[in-house]
Amino acid sequence: MSESYLQQLPLIAILRGVTPEEIVPVGLALYDAGFRLIEIPLNSPQPLQSIGLLAAELGERALIGAGTVLSTGQVEEVAQAGGRLIVSPNCNPEVIRATRRAGLFSSPGVATPSEGFAALEAGAQVLKLFPAEQFNPAIVKAWRAVFSRDIALLPVGGITPAGMAAYVDAGASGFGLGSALYKPGMSAAEVGENGKAFVAAWRATQH
């Protein structure tokens, strides 16, 4: 079920700093632009409230969840809030296993192939290559040589619409998108326009 959201559009919107007051209009603008995966980092203001509000608004139409998840306790809190996506900056097998036990979608951050294989062994469904600034396309190509095509590799960090094609050509499956998509204080309309630019850039890479 969760993989179908990736198939629709393998771009994760990262809304670091979003507030409960902003989350529904911003989330709907991204949904209208084509996004089906939305992450609210836990170091945002009242993140669990935002996750609950957007999950209730979009229901099964999108996969809403948390980023910067560092503990099994946080996995439980996100699940109780209605979130179904767990994204971490690191590879913590306990967090990955807790995510899968709770029936949630696991996307841990990995920085080496060894971490990547450890994450998969623990049950990760997507590998977040983080930070992408240290993964140039040549490195992604080297990873792709040892990770099969059915394993999604998503560079996260510093991704712009103009930079996507080189990563896709190297074997990236999609991306996590942060400050180039959303910064605190942006209007929902601005975020929606940014989202459309990323979606158009992604679709242009799909030959």
Protein backbone atom coordinates (compact mmCIF):
# COMPACT_ATOMS: atom_id res chain seq x y z
CA MET A 1 0.00 0.00 0.00
CA SER A 2 2.64 2.52 1.08
CA GLU A 3 4.79 1.82 -1.97
CA SER A 4 1.95 3.02 -4.21
CA TYR A 5 2.47 6.56 -2.91
CA LEU A 6 6.10 6.38 -4.04
CA GLN A 7 4.99 5.10 -7.43
CA GLN A 8 2.62 8.04 -7.85
CA LEU A 9 5.39 10.56 -7.09
CA PRO A 10 8.64 9.58 -5.31
CA LEU A 11 9.19 13.02 -3.79
CA ILE A 12 8.91 13.56 -0.03
CA ALA A 13 7.98 17.10 1.01
CA ILE A 14 9.88 18.05 4.18
CA LEU A 15 8.06 20.82 6.06
CA ARG A 16 10.58 21.71 8.75
CA GLY A 17 9.23 24.51 10.93
CA VAL A 18 5.62 24.33 9.76
CA THR A 19 2.99 25.20 12.40
CA PRO A 20 -0.41 23.63 13.08
CA GLU A 21 -2.04 26.83 11.80
CA GLU A 22 -0.26 26.51 8.43
CA ILE A 23 -0.20 22.77 7.90
CA VAL A 24 -3.55 22.13 6.24
CA PRO A 25 -3.37 24.86 3.55
CA VAL A 26 0.31 24.09 2.87
CA GLY A 27 -0.35 20.35 2.77
CA LEU A 28 -3.32 20.75 0.43
CA ALA A 29 -1.27 22.98 -1.89
CA LEU A 30 1.37 20.26 -2.09
CA TYR A 31 -1.25 17.55 -2.59
CA ASP A 32 -2.76 19.56 -5.45
CA ALA A 33 0.73 19.88 -6.98
CA GLY A 34 1.02 16.09 -6.98
CA PHE A 35 2.77 15.24 -3.70
CA ARG A 36 1.66 12.09 -1.88
CA LEU A 37 4.39 11.91 0.82
CA ILE A 38 4.64 14.70 3.39
CA GLU A 39 7.05 14.74 6.33
CA ILE A 40 6.75 17.05 9.35
CA PRO A 41 10.05 16.97 11.28
CA LEU A 42 9.64 16.52 15.02
CA ASN A 43 11.73 19.65 15.70
CA SER A 44 8.92 21.75 14.20
CA PRO A 45 6.44 23.59 16.46
CA GLN A 46 3.81 21.16 17.85
CA PRO A 47 4.63 18.55 15.17
CA LEU A 48 2.28 15.84 16.42
CA GLN A 49 -0.65 18.24 16.22
CA SER A 50 0.30 19.15 12.63
CA ILE A 51 0.65 15.48 11.68
CA GLY A 52 -2.78 14.73 13.13
CA LEU A 53 -4.45 17.65 11.37
CA LEU A 54 -3.03 16.86 7.94
CA ALA A 55 -3.54 13.10 8.29
CA ALA A 56 -7.18 13.72 9.15
CA GLU A 57 -7.56 16.11 6.20
CA LEU A 58 -5.99 13.88 3.54
CA GLY A 59 -6.77 10.43 4.95
CA GLU A 60 -5.67 7.58 2.70
CA ARG A 61 -4.99 9.94 -0.20
CA ALA A 62 -1.46 10.70 1.04
CA LEU A 63 1.18 9.31 3.39
CA ILE A 64 1.72 11.80 6.21
CA GLY A 65 4.29 11.37 8.95
CA ALA A 66 7.29 12.60 10.84
CA GLY A 67 10.93 13.36 10.21
CA THR A 68 13.87 13.56 12.60
CA VAL A 69 12.51 10.49 14.42
CA LEU A 70 15.26 9.33 16.77
CA SER A 71 13.61 6.92 19.24
CA THR A 72 11.10 4.10 19.44
CA GLY A 73 9.01 6.26 21.79
CA GLN A 74 8.69 8.88 19.07
CA VAL A 75 7.55 6.21 16.61
CA GLU A 76 4.69 5.36 19.01
CA GLU A 77 3.77 9.04 19.42
CA VAL A 78 3.63 9.56 15.66
CA ALA A 79 1.46 6.47 15.21
CA GLN A 80 -0.92 7.67 17.92
CA ALA A 81 -1.15 11.06 16.18
CA GLY A 82 -2.21 9.39 12.93
CA GLY A 83 1.13 9.51 11.12
CA ARG A 84 2.13 6.60 8.89
CA LEU A 85 5.59 7.68 7.64
CA ILE A 86 8.74 7.58 9.79
CA VAL A 87 11.85 9.36 8.47
CA SER A 88 15.12 9.57 10.40
CA PRO A 89 18.45 11.31 9.76
CA ASN A 90 20.27 8.17 10.94
CA CYS A 91 20.22 4.39 10.71
CA ASN A 92 18.86 3.06 14.00
CA PRO A 93 17.73 -0.58 13.59
CA GLU A 94 15.56 -0.35 16.74
CA VAL A 95 13.64 2.59 15.29
CA ILE A 96 13.27 0.80 11.95
CA ARG A 97 11.97 -2.37 13.59
CA ALA A 98 9.57 -0.41 15.81
CA THR A 99 8.30 1.41 12.71
CA ARG A 100 7.55 -1.81 10.89
CA ARG A 101 5.98 -3.44 13.96
CA ALA A 102 3.60 -0.48 14.15
CA GLY A 103 2.68 -0.96 10.48
CA LEU A 104 4.29 2.32 9.43
CA PHE A 105 6.50 3.16 6.43
CA SER A 106 10.23 3.29 7.22
CA SER A 107 12.69 5.70 5.55
CA PRO A 108 15.92 5.93 7.60
CA GLY A 109 18.89 8.08 6.72
CA VAL A 110 22.04 6.27 5.63
CA ALA A 111 25.48 7.59 4.70
CA THR A 112 27.40 4.42 3.76
CA PRO A 113 26.53 1.21 1.91
CA SER A 114 27.08 -0.71 5.16
CA GLU A 115 24.43 1.43 6.87
CA GLY A 116 22.17 0.92 3.87
CA PHE A 117 22.34 -2.86 4.06
CA ALA A 118 21.89 -2.78 7.86
CA ALA A 119 18.80 -0.61 7.43
CA LEU A 120 17.32 -3.00 4.87
CA GLU A 121 18.01 -5.97 7.13
CA ALA A 122 16.08 -4.20 9.90
CA GLY A 123 13.12 -3.65 7.57
CA ALA A 124 13.64 -0.24 5.92
CA GLN A 125 11.49 0.28 2.82
CA VAL A 126 13.34 3.31 1.42
CA LEU A 127 16.92 4.47 1.90
CA LYS A 128 17.32 8.19 2.48
CA LEU A 129 20.79 9.23 1.29
CA PHE A 130 21.61 11.96 3.77
CA PRO A 131 23.03 14.50 3.51
CA ALA A 132 22.82 14.61 -0.28
CA GLU A 133 25.59 17.23 -0.37
CA GLN A 134 28.05 14.38 0.27
CA PHE A 135 26.40 12.14 -2.36
CA ASN A 136 27.28 13.50 -5.78
CA PRO A 137 25.76 11.62 -8.75
CA ALA A 138 28.92 9.54 -9.19
CA ILE A 139 28.54 8.21 -5.64
CA VAL A 140 24.85 7.46 -6.18
CA LYS A 141 25.84 5.53 -9.32
CA ALA A 142 28.31 3.48 -7.25
CA TRP A 143 25.58 2.72 -4.68
CA ARG A 144 23.19 1.67 -7.44
CA ALA A 145 25.73 -0.87 -8.64
CA VAL A 146 25.30 -2.81 -5.37
CA PHE A 147 21.67 -2.01 -4.41
CA SER A 148 19.06 -3.59 -6.67
CA ARG A 149 16.69 -1.40 -8.67
CA ASP A 150 13.72 -2.31 -6.49
CA ILE A 151 15.38 -0.58 -3.52
CA ALA A 152 14.48 3.11 -3.54
CA LEU A 153 17.44 5.48 -3.06
CA LEU A 154 16.30 9.02 -2.20
CA PRO A 155 18.93 11.76 -1.86
CA VAL A 156 17.87 14.36 0.72
CA GLY A 157 19.47 17.74 1.39
CA GLY A 158 20.10 20.68 -0.89
CA ILE A 159 18.11 19.27 -3.82
CA THR A 160 16.81 21.80 -6.37
CA PRO A 161 14.73 21.26 -9.52
CA ALA A 162 17.79 21.95 -11.68
CA GLY A 163 19.89 19.38 -9.84
CA MET A 164 17.54 16.43 -10.12
CA ALA A 165 18.33 15.08 -13.58
CA ALA A 166 21.96 14.19 -12.87
CA TYR A 167 20.96 12.22 -9.78
CA VAL A 168 18.18 10.39 -11.64
CA ASP A 169 20.57 9.48 -14.45
CA ALA A 170 22.90 8.06 -11.78
CA GLY A 171 20.16 5.86 -10.33
CA ALA A 172 18.29 7.94 -7.73
CA SER A 173 14.69 6.76 -7.31
CA GLY A 174 13.32 10.06 -6.02
CA PHE A 175 14.14 12.79 -3.52
CA GLY A 176 13.37 14.36 -0.17
CA LEU A 177 12.84 18.09 -0.62
CA GLY A 178 13.43 20.62 2.12
CA SER A 179 14.18 24.33 2.13
CA ALA A 180 13.97 24.77 -1.64
CA LEU A 181 10.36 23.62 -1.36
CA TYR A 182 9.27 25.05 1.99
CA LYS A 183 10.67 27.54 4.47
CA PRO A 184 8.79 28.88 7.51
CA GLY A 185 6.81 31.97 6.59
CA MET A 186 6.09 30.95 3.00
CA SER A 187 2.45 31.16 1.95
CA ALA A 188 0.60 28.04 0.86
CA ALA A 189 0.49 29.49 -2.67
CA GLU A 190 4.28 29.91 -2.74
CA VAL A 191 4.81 26.36 -1.52
CA GLY A 192 2.37 25.09 -4.12
CA GLU A 193 4.27 26.87 -6.91
CA ASN A 194 7.57 25.46 -5.64
CA GLY A 195 5.95 22.04 -5.55
CA LYS A 196 4.78 22.33 -9.15
CA ALA A 197 8.33 23.25 -10.23
CA PHE A 198 9.75 20.15 -8.53
CA VAL A 199 7.04 17.90 -9.98
CA ALA A 200 7.67 19.26 -13.48
CA ALA A 201 11.43 18.73 -13.06
CA TRP A 202 10.86 15.17 -11.84
CA ARG A 203 8.54 14.32 -14.72
CA ALA A 204 11.07 15.73 -17.19
CA THR A 205 13.58 13.12 -15.97
CA GLN A 206 11.20 10.21 -16.68
CA HIS A 207 11.99 9.33 -20.28
